[in-house]
Protein backbone atom coordinates (compact mmCIF):
# COMPACT_ATOMS: atom_id res chain seq x y z
CA UNK A 1 17.55 1.31 -1.57
CA UNK A 2 14.57 3.65 -1.72
CA UNK A 3 11.14 2.21 -0.46
CA UNK A 4 7.73 3.19 -1.97
CA UNK A 5 5.76 4.43 0.93
CA UNK A 6 2.61 4.89 -0.97
CA UNK A 7 1.93 1.91 -2.51
CA UNK A 8 -1.66 2.05 -2.81
CA UNK A 9 -2.11 5.80 -3.82
CA UNK A 10 -2.99 6.98 -7.44
CA UNK A 11 -1.20 9.89 -9.09
CA UNK A 12 -4.10 12.24 -8.37
CA UNK A 13 -3.88 11.50 -4.51
CA UNK A 14 0.10 11.60 -4.93
CA UNK A 15 -0.20 15.07 -6.51
CA UNK A 16 -2.48 16.26 -3.70
CA UNK A 17 -0.14 15.08 -1.24
CA UNK A 18 2.89 16.71 -2.88
CA UNK A 19 1.08 20.10 -3.06
CA UNK A 20 0.11 19.98 0.50
CA UNK A 21 3.67 19.15 1.61
CA UNK A 22 5.03 21.91 -0.69
CA UNK A 23 2.42 24.35 1.13
CA UNK A 24 3.48 23.13 4.25
CA UNK A 25 7.14 23.89 3.68
CA UNK A 26 6.52 27.72 2.99
CA UNK A 27 3.84 28.38 5.34
CA UNK A 28 4.30 25.78 8.05
CA UNK A 29 1.65 23.72 9.75
CA UNK A 30 -0.65 25.61 12.42
CA UNK A 31 -3.87 24.40 14.31
CA UNK A 32 -6.39 26.71 15.55
CA UNK A 33 -9.39 25.97 17.88
CA UNK A 34 -11.98 28.20 19.41
CA UNK A 35 -14.55 26.87 21.89
CA UNK A 36 -16.56 28.80 24.73
CA UNK A 37 -14.44 31.91 24.52
CA UNK A 38 -10.97 29.91 24.63
CA UNK A 39 -8.87 30.05 21.82
CA UNK A 40 -5.84 27.33 21.34
CA UNK A 41 -3.37 27.87 18.71
CA UNK A 42 -0.85 24.85 17.92
CA UNK A 43 2.17 24.47 15.78
CA UNK A 44 2.83 20.59 15.04
CA UNK A 45 6.40 19.33 15.10
CA UNK A 46 7.84 15.91 15.03
CA UNK A 47 7.52 13.22 12.63
CA UNK A 48 9.60 13.10 9.41
CA UNK A 49 10.97 16.47 7.92
CA UNK A 50 9.11 17.66 5.04
CA UNK A 51 11.84 17.53 2.62
CA UNK A 52 12.04 13.60 3.32
CA UNK A 53 8.23 13.24 2.82
CA UNK A 54 8.36 15.15 -0.44
CA UNK A 55 11.14 13.00 -1.81
CA UNK A 56 8.97 9.91 -0.86
CA UNK A 57 5.88 10.93 -2.57
CA UNK A 58 8.29 12.14 -5.80
CA UNK A 59 9.61 8.36 -5.50
CA UNK A 60 6.12 6.89 -5.32
CA UNK A 61 5.21 9.18 -8.48
CA UNK A 62 8.30 7.80 -10.29
CA UNK A 63 7.53 4.25 -9.42
CA UNK A 64 4.01 4.47 -10.57
CA UNK A 65 4.74 6.52 -13.96
CA UNK A 66 8.60 6.19 -14.50
CA UNK A 67 8.34 7.50 -18.16
CA UNK A 68 6.74 10.80 -16.90
CA UNK A 69 8.34 11.25 -13.32
CA UNK A 70 12.41 11.45 -12.67
CA UNK A 71 13.76 9.34 -9.83
CA UNK A 72 14.41 11.97 -7.04
CA UNK A 73 17.16 9.62 -5.62
CA UNK A 74 19.41 9.99 -8.73
CA UNK A 75 20.64 13.53 -7.70
CA UNK A 76 21.07 15.17 -4.49
CA UNK A 77 19.72 18.68 -3.68
CA UNK A 78 22.83 20.46 -2.18
CA UNK A 79 21.54 23.86 -1.42
CA UNK A 80 18.01 25.21 -1.02
CA UNK A 81 16.52 28.85 -0.10
CA UNK A 82 13.00 29.61 0.87
CA UNK A 83 11.32 32.47 -1.11
CA UNK A 84 8.40 34.29 0.55
CA UNK A 85 6.14 36.22 -1.73
CA UNK A 86 3.18 38.43 -0.57
CA UNK A 87 0.31 39.24 -2.26
């Protein structure tokens, strides 16, 4: 049975989270810091997979507004493809 991980979040907050997660799937998540002539770049890994987090946010949107959003757990995604566009 699915669990609503974001009970206290509003629709706007969940949409911002969803947008950030979708961007993270296409670009990844990299942190860069510079100080005193030294530069450090890190790519963070670990935690939940982005696909799982997206599904959790979509489920929270469904619980919040079931008439507008569909339940992401009713059907399974069997195949996905990354598509990169350059501007």
